[in-house]
């Protein structure tokens, strides 16, 4: 029987770090104010300097704990980088850290269900052959902006890999994910993108699934990848749920 190390939920860890930082700053400000003002309200009386020193030490300790929690949260996201520089979306390492927490809350009945949308741009190989890798990077960055523009607070848009984007969002039913995908699809097709002097409109294929109770992140991603593959086989500009 193997055991896994206990991991601090990233969202909770951030809140705890902020509280420690706030408490340490307030305590440090109190101590500094009394020292600078020569002791207000009796704090400058003989024998209180030791107490002020203890409070100052407590402030430093609280701030050190806050810094430690913040660094731990950064380390939990892989190399400390939560955003993909090309698309502005979250990295997959970051998603692998925060999504299990979302799933755990869903399993406790606090929210709806996590839906996963997997997206790929049609004819990306042809674009690379005609215009090179830089054009692919430009296309993915453009697609990332359209995806990010449709997300809400609590959704997690992700640069899943070099050729695919993904979005984790809370839904009561899969039709909400389909509606999200249609909006993104219309935005992609409704704008022109200049790649190497060639003006083009982008289309995409999407596969989307609604998480089943107790389903793991790996199983959810595998089902979404399979749906995307089926959509790609059906042709371009396809949405399959």
C-alpha atoms as a PDB file:
ATOM      1  CA  UNK A   1       0.000   0.000   0.000  1.00  0.00           C
ATOM      2  CA  UNK A   2       1.478   3.339  -1.051  1.00  0.00           C
ATOM      3  CA  UNK A   3       0.791   6.709   0.469  1.00  0.00           C
ATOM      4  CA  UNK A   4       0.862  10.079  -1.249  1.00  0.00           C
ATOM      5  CA  UNK A   5       2.193  13.215   0.410  1.00  0.00           C
ATOM      6  CA  UNK A   6      -0.457  15.624   1.614  1.00  0.00           C
ATOM      7  CA  UNK A   7      -0.670  18.601  -0.723  1.00  0.00           C
ATOM      8  CA  UNK A   8      -2.062  22.004   0.177  1.00  0.00           C
ATOM      9  CA  UNK A   9      -4.917  23.029  -2.100  1.00  0.00           C
ATOM     10  CA  UNK A  10      -3.456  25.924  -4.154  1.00  0.00           C
ATOM     11  CA  UNK A  11      -6.456  28.223  -3.754  1.00  0.00           C
ATOM     12  CA  UNK A  12      -6.623  27.627  -0.010  1.00  0.00           C
ATOM     13  CA  UNK A  13      -2.866  27.992   0.267  1.00  0.00           C
ATOM     14  CA  UNK A  14      -3.014  31.381  -1.396  1.00  0.00           C
ATOM     15  CA  UNK A  15      -5.736  32.587   0.967  1.00  0.00           C
ATOM     16  CA  UNK A  16      -3.823  31.361   4.023  1.00  0.00           C
ATOM     17  CA  UNK A  17      -0.650  33.064   2.776  1.00  0.00           C
ATOM     18  CA  UNK A  18      -2.513  36.346   2.359  1.00  0.00           C
ATOM     19  CA  UNK A  19      -3.925  36.127   5.881  1.00  0.00           C
ATOM     20  CA  UNK A  20      -0.493  35.483   7.377  1.00  0.00           C
ATOM     21  CA  UNK A  21       0.954  38.361   5.355  1.00  0.00           C
ATOM     22  CA  UNK A  22      -1.839  40.691   6.460  1.00  0.00           C
ATOM     23  CA  UNK A  23      -1.459  39.736  10.123  1.00  0.00           C
ATOM     24  CA  UNK A  24       2.331  40.105   9.974  1.00  0.00           C
ATOM     25  CA  UNK A  25       2.106  43.497   8.264  1.00  0.00           C
ATOM     26  CA  UNK A  26      -0.458  44.780  10.779  1.00  0.00           C
ATOM     27  CA  UNK A  27       1.579  43.587  13.737  1.00  0.00           C
ATOM     28  CA  UNK A  28       4.770  45.012  12.289  1.00  0.00           C
ATOM     29  CA  UNK A  29       3.068  48.343  11.669  1.00  0.00           C
ATOM     30  CA  UNK A  30       1.822  48.446  15.256  1.00  0.00           C
ATOM     31  CA  UNK A  31       5.294  47.792  16.640  1.00  0.00           C
ATOM     32  CA  UNK A  32       6.951  50.305  14.316  1.00  0.00           C
ATOM     33  CA  UNK A  33       4.378  52.950  15.149  1.00  0.00           C
ATOM     34  CA  UNK A  34       4.974  52.586  18.866  1.00  0.00           C
ATOM     35  CA  UNK A  35       8.736  52.730  18.527  1.00  0.00           C
ATOM     36  CA  UNK A  36       8.618  55.777  16.239  1.00  0.00           C
ATOM     37  CA  UNK A  37       6.147  57.623  18.480  1.00  0.00           C
ATOM     38  CA  UNK A  38       8.092  56.883  21.618  1.00  0.00           C
ATOM     39  CA  UNK A  39       5.382  54.678  23.046  1.00  0.00           C
ATOM     40  CA  UNK A  40       1.728  55.601  22.843  1.00  0.00           C
ATOM     41  CA  UNK A  41      -0.846  54.570  25.417  1.00  0.00           C
ATOM     42  CA  UNK A  42       1.701  53.345  27.923  1.00  0.00           C
ATOM     43  CA  UNK A  43       3.633  51.153  25.514  1.00  0.00           C
ATOM     44  CA  UNK A  44       6.738  53.252  26.107  1.00  0.00           C
ATOM     45  CA  UNK A  45       6.780  52.483  29.815  1.00  0.00           C
ATOM     46  CA  UNK A  46       9.803  50.696  31.308  1.00  0.00           C
ATOM     47  CA  UNK A  47       9.727  46.985  30.756  1.00  0.00           C
ATOM     48  CA  UNK A  48       7.658  47.146  27.579  1.00  0.00           C
ATOM     49  CA  UNK A  49      10.615  47.210  25.172  1.00  0.00           C
ATOM     50  CA  UNK A  50      11.009  43.467  25.575  1.00  0.00           C
ATOM     51  CA  UNK A  51       7.345  42.954  24.759  1.00  0.00           C
ATOM     52  CA  UNK A  52       7.663  45.122  21.662  1.00  0.00           C
ATOM     53  CA  UNK A  53      10.658  43.036  20.637  1.00  0.00           C
ATOM     54  CA  UNK A  54       8.623  39.853  20.996  1.00  0.00           C
ATOM     55  CA  UNK A  55       5.821  41.358  18.923  1.00  0.00           C
ATOM     56  CA  UNK A  56       8.343  42.395  16.275  1.00  0.00           C
ATOM     57  CA  UNK A  57       9.649  38.828  16.195  1.00  0.00           C
ATOM     58  CA  UNK A  58       6.094  37.574  15.812  1.00  0.00           C
ATOM     59  CA  UNK A  59       5.530  39.916  12.865  1.00  0.00           C
ATOM     60  CA  UNK A  60       8.681  38.618  11.153  1.00  0.00           C
ATOM     61  CA  UNK A  61       7.576  35.024  11.779  1.00  0.00           C
ATOM     62  CA  UNK A  62       4.113  35.632  10.280  1.00  0.00           C
ATOM     63  CA  UNK A  63       5.633  37.231   7.193  1.00  0.00           C
ATOM     64  CA  UNK A  64       8.111  34.350   6.868  1.00  0.00           C
ATOM     65  CA  UNK A  65       5.255  31.821   7.028  1.00  0.00           C
ATOM     66  CA  UNK A  66       3.352  33.786   4.369  1.00  0.00           C
ATOM     67  CA  UNK A  67       6.423  33.795   2.117  1.00  0.00           C
ATOM     68  CA  UNK A  68       6.903  30.064   2.635  1.00  0.00           C
ATOM     69  CA  UNK A  69       3.295  29.288   1.724  1.00  0.00           C
ATOM     70  CA  UNK A  70       3.533  31.476  -1.365  1.00  0.00           C
ATOM     71  CA  UNK A  71       6.745  29.778  -2.502  1.00  0.00           C
ATOM     72  CA  UNK A  72       5.193  26.357  -1.878  1.00  0.00           C
ATOM     73  CA  UNK A  73       2.215  27.288  -4.036  1.00  0.00           C
ATOM     74  CA  UNK A  74       4.531  28.492  -6.801  1.00  0.00           C
ATOM     75  CA  UNK A  75       6.492  25.245  -6.646  1.00  0.00           C
ATOM     76  CA  UNK A  76       3.250  23.242  -6.861  1.00  0.00           C
ATOM     77  CA  UNK A  77       2.623  24.780 -10.265  1.00  0.00           C
ATOM     78  CA  UNK A  78       5.720  23.159 -11.743  1.00  0.00           C
ATOM     79  CA  UNK A  79       8.510  25.644 -12.396  1.00  0.00           C
ATOM     80  CA  UNK A  80       6.629  28.529 -10.796  1.00  0.00           C
ATOM     81  CA  UNK A  81       5.108  29.697 -14.075  1.00  0.00           C
ATOM     82  CA  UNK A  82       1.329  29.492 -14.245  1.00  0.00           C
ATOM     83  CA  UNK A  83       0.800  31.130 -17.645  1.00  0.00           C
ATOM     84  CA  UNK A  84       1.914  30.049 -21.089  1.00  0.00           C
ATOM     85  CA  UNK A  85       3.744  33.065 -22.551  1.00  0.00           C
ATOM     86  CA  UNK A  86       2.569  32.428 -26.119  1.00  0.00           C
ATOM     87  CA  UNK A  87      -1.188  32.168 -25.533  1.00  0.00           C
ATOM     88  CA  UNK A  88      -1.640  33.774 -22.122  1.00  0.00           C
ATOM     89  CA  UNK A  89      -3.534  30.679 -20.975  1.00  0.00           C
ATOM     90  CA  UNK A  90      -2.663  28.565 -17.963  1.00  0.00           C
ATOM     91  CA  UNK A  91       0.010  25.906 -18.345  1.00  0.00           C
ATOM     92  CA  UNK A  92      -0.892  22.245 -18.186  1.00  0.00           C
ATOM     93  CA  UNK A  93       1.253  21.838 -15.071  1.00  0.00           C
ATOM     94  CA  UNK A  94      -0.849  24.476 -13.341  1.00  0.00           C
ATOM     95  CA  UNK A  95      -4.071  22.776 -14.448  1.00  0.00           C
ATOM     96  CA  UNK A  96      -2.806  19.454 -13.140  1.00  0.00           C
ATOM     97  CA  UNK A  97      -2.390  21.161  -9.773  1.00  0.00           C
ATOM     98  CA  UNK A  98      -5.678  23.046  -9.434  1.00  0.00           C
ATOM     99  CA  UNK A  99      -8.204  20.879 -11.293  1.00  0.00           C
ATOM    100  CA  UNK A 100      -8.143  17.990  -8.773  1.00  0.00           C
ATOM    101  CA  UNK A 101      -9.195  20.532  -6.150  1.00  0.00           C
ATOM    102  CA  UNK A 102     -12.131  21.591  -8.310  1.00  0.00           C
ATOM    103  CA  UNK A 103     -13.091  17.975  -8.741  1.00  0.00           C
ATOM    104  CA  UNK A 104     -12.877  17.311  -5.005  1.00  0.00           C
ATOM    105  CA  UNK A 105     -15.253  20.204  -4.316  1.00  0.00           C
ATOM    106  CA  UNK A 106     -17.659  18.870  -6.941  1.00  0.00           C
ATOM    107  CA  UNK A 107     -17.577  15.447  -5.304  1.00  0.00           C
ATOM    108  CA  UNK A 108     -18.564  17.082  -2.026  1.00  0.00           C
ATOM    109  CA  UNK A 109     -21.582  18.590  -3.760  1.00  0.00           C
ATOM    110  CA  UNK A 110     -20.443  22.204  -3.555  1.00  0.00           C
ATOM    111  CA  UNK A 111     -20.660  22.945  -7.271  1.00  0.00           C
ATOM    112  CA  UNK A 112     -21.922  21.489 -10.538  1.00  0.00           C
ATOM    113  CA  UNK A 113     -19.779  19.313 -12.757  1.00  0.00           C
ATOM    114  CA  UNK A 114     -16.443  19.968 -14.408  1.00  0.00           C
ATOM    115  CA  UNK A 115     -16.663  19.896 -18.187  1.00  0.00           C
ATOM    116  CA  UNK A 116     -13.578  19.644 -20.365  1.00  0.00           C
ATOM    117  CA  UNK A 117     -13.375  21.103 -23.854  1.00  0.00           C
ATOM    118  CA  UNK A 118     -10.452  20.015 -26.017  1.00  0.00           C
ATOM    119  CA  UNK A 119      -9.770  22.209 -29.072  1.00  0.00           C
ATOM    120  CA  UNK A 120      -7.510  21.957 -32.099  1.00  0.00           C
ATOM    121  CA  UNK A 121      -7.136  24.316 -35.065  1.00  0.00           C
ATOM    122  CA  UNK A 122      -7.942  22.835 -38.462  1.00  0.00           C
ATOM    123  CA  UNK A 123      -5.207  22.568 -41.134  1.00  0.00           C
ATOM    124  CA  UNK A 124      -2.444  23.522 -38.704  1.00  0.00           C
ATOM    125  CA  UNK A 125       0.015  21.199 -40.459  1.00  0.00           C
ATOM    126  CA  UNK A 126      -0.686  22.943 -43.766  1.00  0.00           C
ATOM    127  CA  UNK A 127      -0.139  26.339 -42.140  1.00  0.00           C
ATOM    128  CA  UNK A 128       3.213  25.175 -40.792  1.00  0.00           C
ATOM    129  CA  UNK A 129       4.297  23.803 -44.161  1.00  0.00           C
ATOM    130  CA  UNK A 130       3.438  27.037 -45.949  1.00  0.00           C
ATOM    131  CA  UNK A 131       4.572  29.584 -43.380  1.00  0.00           C
ATOM    132  CA  UNK A 132       6.707  27.809 -40.795  1.00  0.00           C
ATOM    133  CA  UNK A 133       6.537  27.296 -37.006  1.00  0.00           C
ATOM    134  CA  UNK A 134       6.232  31.034 -36.317  1.00  0.00           C
ATOM    135  CA  UNK A 135       2.862  31.067 -38.075  1.00  0.00           C
ATOM    136  CA  UNK A 136       1.676  28.161 -35.929  1.00  0.00           C
ATOM    137  CA  UNK A 137       2.690  30.078 -32.813  1.00  0.00           C
ATOM    138  CA  UNK A 138       0.781  33.117 -34.064  1.00  0.00           C
ATOM    139  CA  UNK A 139      -2.321  31.030 -34.780  1.00  0.00           C
ATOM    140  CA  UNK A 140      -2.233  29.412 -31.344  1.00  0.00           C
ATOM    141  CA  UNK A 141      -1.791  32.789 -29.662  1.00  0.00           C
ATOM    142  CA  UNK A 142      -4.776  34.151 -31.588  1.00  0.00           C
ATOM    143  CA  UNK A 143      -6.895  31.134 -30.657  1.00  0.00           C
ATOM    144  CA  UNK A 144      -5.816  31.475 -27.031  1.00  0.00           C
ATOM    145  CA  UNK A 145      -7.059  35.071 -26.938  1.00  0.00           C
ATOM    146  CA  UNK A 146     -10.461  34.064 -28.300  1.00  0.00           C
ATOM    147  CA  UNK A 147     -10.792  31.260 -25.761  1.00  0.00           C
ATOM    148  CA  UNK A 148      -9.710  33.453 -22.854  1.00  0.00           C
ATOM    149  CA  UNK A 149     -12.198  36.130 -23.860  1.00  0.00           C
ATOM    150  CA  UNK A 150     -15.116  33.733 -23.354  1.00  0.00           C
ATOM    151  CA  UNK A 151     -14.118  32.289 -19.994  1.00  0.00           C
ATOM    152  CA  UNK A 152     -15.658  33.274 -16.668  1.00  0.00           C
ATOM    153  CA  UNK A 153     -14.175  33.538 -13.210  1.00  0.00           C
ATOM    154  CA  UNK A 154     -13.540  29.986 -12.057  1.00  0.00           C
ATOM    155  CA  UNK A 155     -12.971  28.575 -15.554  1.00  0.00           C
ATOM    156  CA  UNK A 156      -9.473  27.322 -16.338  1.00  0.00           C
ATOM    157  CA  UNK A 157      -8.345  27.805 -19.979  1.00  0.00           C
ATOM    158  CA  UNK A 158      -5.182  25.816 -20.670  1.00  0.00           C
ATOM    159  CA  UNK A 159      -2.447  25.475 -23.266  1.00  0.00           C
ATOM    160  CA  UNK A 160      -2.776  21.698 -23.240  1.00  0.00           C
ATOM    161  CA  UNK A 161       0.152  21.052 -25.584  1.00  0.00           C
ATOM    162  CA  UNK A 162       1.783  22.616 -28.647  1.00  0.00           C
ATOM    163  CA  UNK A 163      -1.232  21.966 -30.897  1.00  0.00           C
ATOM    164  CA  UNK A 164      -4.239  21.851 -28.553  1.00  0.00           C
ATOM    165  CA  UNK A 165      -6.039  24.107 -26.133  1.00  0.00           C
ATOM    166  CA  UNK A 166      -8.363  22.998 -23.355  1.00  0.00           C
ATOM    167  CA  UNK A 167     -10.919  24.641 -21.102  1.00  0.00           C
ATOM    168  CA  UNK A 168     -12.140  23.320 -17.760  1.00  0.00           C
ATOM    169  CA  UNK A 169     -15.440  24.898 -16.786  1.00  0.00           C
ATOM    170  CA  UNK A 170     -18.308  24.217 -14.413  1.00  0.00           C
ATOM    171  CA  UNK A 171     -21.558  23.131 -16.055  1.00  0.00           C
ATOM    172  CA  UNK A 172     -24.858  21.695 -14.982  1.00  0.00           C
ATOM    173  CA  UNK A 173     -25.191  19.999 -18.366  1.00  0.00           C
ATOM    174  CA  UNK A 174     -23.020  19.423 -21.425  1.00  0.00           C
ATOM    175  CA  UNK A 175     -25.117  21.823 -23.523  1.00  0.00           C
ATOM    176  CA  UNK A 176     -23.477  24.710 -21.670  1.00  0.00           C
ATOM    177  CA  UNK A 177     -20.065  23.520 -22.822  1.00  0.00           C
ATOM    178  CA  UNK A 178     -21.387  23.165 -26.364  1.00  0.00           C
ATOM    179  CA  UNK A 179     -22.640  26.757 -26.273  1.00  0.00           C
ATOM    180  CA  UNK A 180     -19.207  27.903 -25.092  1.00  0.00           C
ATOM    181  CA  UNK A 181     -17.566  26.006 -27.941  1.00  0.00           C
ATOM    182  CA  UNK A 182     -19.894  27.500 -30.523  1.00  0.00           C
ATOM    183  CA  UNK A 183     -19.088  31.021 -29.368  1.00  0.00           C
ATOM    184  CA  UNK A 184     -15.369  30.359 -29.676  1.00  0.00           C
ATOM    185  CA  UNK A 185     -15.858  28.729 -33.076  1.00  0.00           C
ATOM    186  CA  UNK A 186     -17.763  31.755 -34.383  1.00  0.00           C
ATOM    187  CA  UNK A 187     -15.108  34.121 -33.073  1.00  0.00           C
ATOM    188  CA  UNK A 188     -12.329  32.168 -34.772  1.00  0.00           C
ATOM    189  CA  UNK A 189     -14.136  31.975 -38.099  1.00  0.00           C
ATOM    190  CA  UNK A 190     -15.404  35.553 -37.950  1.00  0.00           C
ATOM    191  CA  UNK A 191     -11.989  37.238 -37.918  1.00  0.00           C
ATOM    192  CA  UNK A 192      -9.180  37.323 -40.428  1.00  0.00           C
ATOM    193  CA  UNK A 193      -5.621  36.497 -39.490  1.00  0.00           C
ATOM    194  CA  UNK A 194      -2.591  37.512 -41.556  1.00  0.00           C
ATOM    195  CA  UNK A 195       0.004  34.725 -41.595  1.00  0.00           C
ATOM    196  CA  UNK A 196       3.034  35.399 -43.740  1.00  0.00           C
ATOM    197  CA  UNK A 197       1.057  37.635 -46.050  1.00  0.00           C
ATOM    198  CA  UNK A 198      -1.785  35.142 -46.425  1.00  0.00           C
ATOM    199  CA  UNK A 199      -5.082  36.282 -44.940  1.00  0.00           C
ATOM    200  CA  UNK A 200      -7.044  33.371 -43.548  1.00  0.00           C
ATOM    201  CA  UNK A 201      -9.991  32.490 -41.375  1.00  0.00           C
ATOM    202  CA  UNK A 202      -9.521  29.779 -38.815  1.00  0.00           C
ATOM    203  CA  UNK A 203     -11.808  26.885 -38.038  1.00  0.00           C
ATOM    204  CA  UNK A 204     -11.468  24.381 -35.240  1.00  0.00           C
ATOM    205  CA  UNK A 205     -12.566  20.994 -34.018  1.00  0.00           C
ATOM    206  CA  UNK A 206     -13.640  20.433 -30.428  1.00  0.00           C
ATOM    207  CA  UNK A 207     -14.344  17.442 -28.281  1.00  0.00           C
ATOM    208  CA  UNK A 208     -16.086  17.963 -24.965  1.00  0.00           C
ATOM    209  CA  UNK A 209     -17.147  15.764 -22.085  1.00  0.00           C
ATOM    210  CA  UNK A 210     -18.853  16.225 -18.728  1.00  0.00           C
ATOM    211  CA  UNK A 211     -17.047  14.659 -15.795  1.00  0.00           C
ATOM    212  CA  UNK A 212     -18.658  11.625 -14.218  1.00  0.00           C
ATOM    213  CA  UNK A 213     -18.879  11.330 -10.438  1.00  0.00           C
ATOM    214  CA  UNK A 214     -15.524  10.290  -9.010  1.00  0.00           C
ATOM    215  CA  UNK A 215     -13.786  10.327 -12.404  1.00  0.00           C
ATOM    216  CA  UNK A 216     -10.057  11.088 -12.323  1.00  0.00           C
ATOM    217  CA  UNK A 217      -8.429  13.923 -14.224  1.00  0.00           C
ATOM    218  CA  UNK A 218      -6.544  11.457 -16.420  1.00  0.00           C
ATOM    219  CA  UNK A 219      -9.726   9.604 -17.358  1.00  0.00           C
ATOM    220  CA  UNK A 220     -11.538  12.871 -18.102  1.00  0.00           C
ATOM    221  CA  UNK A 221      -8.724  14.056 -20.366  1.00  0.00           C
ATOM    222  CA  UNK A 222      -8.621  10.705 -22.167  1.00  0.00           C
ATOM    223  CA  UNK A 223     -12.355  10.899 -22.946  1.00  0.00           C
ATOM    224  CA  UNK A 224     -12.043  14.493 -24.162  1.00  0.00           C
ATOM    225  CA  UNK A 225      -9.099  13.568 -26.393  1.00  0.00           C
ATOM    226  CA  UNK A 226     -11.107  10.715 -27.871  1.00  0.00           C
ATOM    227  CA  UNK A 227     -14.031  13.050 -28.589  1.00  0.00           C
ATOM    228  CA  UNK A 228     -11.670  15.510 -30.262  1.00  0.00           C
ATOM    229  CA  UNK A 229     -10.210  12.736 -32.404  1.00  0.00           C
ATOM    230  CA  UNK A 230     -13.718  11.709 -33.493  1.00  0.00           C
ATOM    231  CA  UNK A 231     -14.531  15.334 -34.351  1.00  0.00           C
ATOM    232  CA  UNK A 232     -11.357  15.646 -36.443  1.00  0.00           C
ATOM    233  CA  UNK A 233     -12.211  12.464 -38.327  1.00  0.00           C
ATOM    234  CA  UNK A 234     -15.645  13.903 -39.126  1.00  0.00           C
ATOM    235  CA  UNK A 235     -14.078  16.875 -40.922  1.00  0.00           C
ATOM    236  CA  UNK A 236     -13.165  20.463 -40.167  1.00  0.00           C
ATOM    237  CA  UNK A 237     -15.147  22.875 -37.997  1.00  0.00           C
ATOM    238  CA  UNK A 238     -16.742  20.124 -35.918  1.00  0.00           C
ATOM    239  CA  UNK A 239     -18.001  20.098 -32.331  1.00  0.00           C
ATOM    240  CA  UNK A 240     -18.635  16.735 -30.744  1.00  0.00           C
ATOM    241  CA  UNK A 241     -19.980  16.221 -27.218  1.00  0.00           C
END
